[in-house]
Amino acid sequence: MYYAEGKDGLSTDPAGSMHTKLLEFCGGRNVAEVTLKPGYGMAETSPEQIILWDPDMIIIGRGSQSTLYQAIMTNSRWNELRAVINKQVFLRPDNPLSWFDGPPGPCQIMGMYWMVNKLYPDKTTGLDLKAKVKEFYTKFFHHDLTDDELNMLLANPS
């Protein structure tokens, strides 16, 4: 998995970063072999390096998420990646806070369900992710999600 951040997707967090702990906890492997910057964590990479890593999945975080999603899915420099070819590019849910990282918090509970569902769809067929999300929002935020709100949380741009 590659964690694409920044406006161009060329920033990432390597294994061992607090920003990728959820991925590692759920059994995923971060392809980014870059130096962890103390404090901020995020490191720069290049399109050529991402092509060499050729991730099976890309998670988009921070920044202009929907714009970056469109760029990754349509830009020729990304189109030879397995993740793009197989349509395994996802926006991390982040309402009201990120489900993945920054800041760490209770939404990461939902992030675990979401991440496991993305990493192992064949092994999570019995997981009703939508029901889990609705239950979580009701219990933690005292908000009953509408179907439209739920679909917006879990959707990728078209």
Protein backbone atom coordinates (compact mmCIF):
# COMPACT_ATOMS: atom_id res chain seq x y z
CA MET A 1 0.00 0.00 0.00
CA TYR A 2 1.12 3.53 -0.74
CA TYR A 3 -0.20 6.40 1.38
CA ALA A 4 -0.45 9.37 -1.00
CA GLU A 5 -0.44 12.76 0.65
CA GLY A 6 0.03 16.36 -0.38
CA LYS A 7 -1.51 18.08 -3.37
CA ASP A 8 0.39 15.92 -5.87
CA GLY A 9 0.46 12.60 -3.95
CA LEU A 10 4.26 12.64 -3.82
CA SER A 11 4.42 13.00 -0.05
CA THR A 12 4.02 9.93 2.13
CA ASP A 13 4.68 8.43 5.52
CA PRO A 14 6.97 5.41 5.81
CA ALA A 15 6.54 2.31 7.92
CA GLY A 16 7.03 3.13 11.57
CA SER A 17 5.38 6.52 11.31
CA MET A 18 2.44 7.18 13.63
CA HIS A 19 0.54 8.06 10.47
CA THR A 20 0.73 4.52 9.10
CA LYS A 21 0.24 2.57 12.34
CA LEU A 22 -3.37 1.71 11.45
CA LEU A 23 -2.29 0.11 8.17
CA GLU A 24 0.36 -1.96 9.90
CA PHE A 25 -1.99 -2.92 12.75
CA CYS A 26 -4.50 -4.23 10.17
CA GLY A 27 -1.86 -6.38 8.47
CA GLY A 28 -1.01 -4.16 5.52
CA ARG A 29 2.48 -3.48 4.25
CA ASN A 30 3.59 0.04 3.46
CA VAL A 31 5.73 0.12 0.29
CA ALA A 32 7.28 3.51 1.12
CA GLU A 33 10.89 2.97 1.99
CA VAL A 34 11.79 6.55 2.80
CA THR A 35 13.40 8.20 5.80
CA LEU A 36 11.00 9.15 8.56
CA LYS A 37 11.36 12.85 9.31
CA PRO A 38 11.38 13.54 13.06
CA GLY A 39 8.34 15.46 14.22
CA TYR A 40 6.37 16.01 11.03
CA GLY A 41 6.94 12.53 9.61
CA MET A 42 5.94 13.08 6.00
CA ALA A 43 8.64 12.53 3.39
CA GLU A 44 8.88 13.42 -0.30
CA THR A 45 9.17 10.82 -3.02
CA SER A 46 9.07 10.82 -6.82
CA PRO A 47 6.78 9.41 -9.50
CA GLU A 48 9.62 7.15 -10.61
CA GLN A 49 9.99 5.70 -7.11
CA ILE A 50 6.26 5.06 -6.80
CA ILE A 51 6.35 3.24 -10.16
CA LEU A 52 9.21 1.07 -8.83
CA TRP A 53 7.22 0.29 -5.67
CA ASP A 54 4.11 -0.46 -7.82
CA PRO A 55 1.66 -0.67 -4.91
CA ASP A 56 -1.41 -2.90 -4.97
CA MET A 57 -3.40 -0.18 -3.20
CA ILE A 58 -3.21 3.57 -2.76
CA ILE A 59 -4.85 5.39 0.15
CA ILE A 60 -5.21 9.13 -0.31
CA GLY A 61 -4.95 11.32 2.74
CA ARG A 62 -4.79 15.01 3.55
CA GLY A 63 -4.86 17.86 1.11
CA SER A 64 -7.12 18.09 -1.89
CA GLN A 65 -8.41 14.56 -1.67
CA SER A 66 -10.94 14.48 -4.50
CA THR A 67 -8.64 16.48 -6.79
CA LEU A 68 -5.77 14.10 -6.05
CA TYR A 69 -8.01 11.08 -6.61
CA GLN A 70 -8.91 12.37 -10.10
CA ALA A 71 -5.25 13.11 -10.85
CA ILE A 72 -4.11 9.64 -9.83
CA MET A 73 -6.87 7.92 -11.77
CA THR A 74 -6.39 9.95 -14.98
CA ASN A 75 -2.75 11.11 -15.11
CA SER A 76 -0.51 9.03 -17.35
CA ARG A 77 2.32 8.98 -14.82
CA TRP A 78 0.13 6.96 -12.43
CA ASN A 79 -1.78 4.77 -14.93
CA GLU A 80 0.71 1.91 -15.06
CA LEU A 81 0.45 1.19 -11.33
CA ARG A 82 -1.35 -2.00 -10.28
CA ALA A 83 -3.47 -0.01 -7.82
CA VAL A 84 -4.77 2.26 -10.59
CA ILE A 85 -5.26 -0.53 -13.13
CA ASN A 86 -7.24 -2.57 -10.55
CA LYS A 87 -9.12 0.48 -9.21
CA GLN A 88 -7.67 0.05 -5.73
CA VAL A 89 -7.32 3.76 -5.01
CA PHE A 90 -9.32 5.01 -2.03
CA LEU A 91 -9.91 8.23 -0.14
CA ARG A 92 -9.54 7.75 3.57
CA PRO A 93 -12.75 8.75 5.33
CA ASP A 94 -12.26 11.81 7.49
CA ASN A 95 -15.44 13.19 8.93
CA PRO A 96 -15.40 14.61 11.55
CA LEU A 97 -11.76 13.45 11.93
CA SER A 98 -9.51 11.19 9.92
CA TRP A 99 -10.24 7.49 10.27
CA PHE A 100 -6.61 6.74 9.45
CA ASP A 101 -4.30 9.23 11.14
CA GLY A 102 -3.80 12.91 12.02
CA PRO A 103 -4.99 13.30 14.63
CA PRO A 104 -5.07 9.86 16.21
CA GLY A 105 -8.36 9.40 17.99
CA PRO A 106 -11.61 7.50 18.27
CA CYS A 107 -12.32 7.60 14.54
CA GLN A 108 -9.47 5.15 14.08
CA ILE A 109 -11.82 2.51 15.49
CA MET A 110 -13.84 2.90 12.29
CA GLY A 111 -10.58 3.10 10.38
CA MET A 112 -9.72 -0.43 11.48
CA TYR A 113 -12.98 -1.80 10.08
CA TRP A 114 -12.56 0.23 6.90
CA MET A 115 -8.90 -0.74 6.40
CA VAL A 116 -9.46 -4.46 7.00
CA ASN A 117 -12.41 -4.32 4.57
CA LYS A 118 -10.15 -2.73 1.91
CA LEU A 119 -7.17 -5.03 2.52
CA TYR A 120 -9.10 -8.30 2.80
CA PRO A 121 -12.47 -7.96 1.02
CA ASP A 122 -12.73 -11.73 0.48
CA LYS A 123 -12.29 -12.37 4.22
CA THR A 124 -14.66 -9.66 5.41
CA THR A 125 -17.79 -10.59 3.47
CA GLY A 126 -19.65 -10.98 6.79
CA LEU A 127 -18.68 -7.49 7.92
CA ASP A 128 -21.49 -5.00 7.45
CA LEU A 129 -19.29 -1.91 7.29
CA LYS A 130 -22.22 0.45 6.80
CA ALA A 131 -23.98 -0.88 9.90
CA LYS A 132 -20.75 -0.57 11.93
CA VAL A 133 -20.28 3.04 10.80
CA LYS A 134 -23.86 3.96 11.66
CA GLU A 135 -23.56 2.30 15.07
CA PHE A 136 -20.27 4.11 15.78
CA TYR A 137 -21.62 7.54 14.87
CA THR A 138 -24.71 6.98 16.99
CA LYS A 139 -22.72 5.83 20.04
CA PHE A 140 -19.71 8.17 19.83
CA PHE A 141 -21.10 11.30 18.20
CA HIS A 142 -24.79 10.98 19.14
CA HIS A 143 -25.64 11.44 15.48
CA ASP A 144 -27.75 9.08 13.43
CA LEU A 145 -26.20 9.12 9.97
CA THR A 146 -28.56 9.32 7.05
CA ASP A 147 -27.92 6.97 4.14
CA ASP A 148 -26.70 9.96 2.11
CA GLU A 149 -24.22 10.97 4.82
CA LEU A 150 -23.01 7.39 5.12
CA ASN A 151 -22.54 7.06 1.37
CA MET A 152 -20.60 10.35 1.27
CA LEU A 153 -18.26 9.09 4.02
CA LEU A 154 -17.49 5.86 2.19
CA ALA A 155 -17.52 7.06 -1.43
CA ASN A 156 -14.71 7.82 -3.80
CA PRO A 157 -15.23 10.66 -6.27
CA SER A 158 -16.55 9.52 -9.63
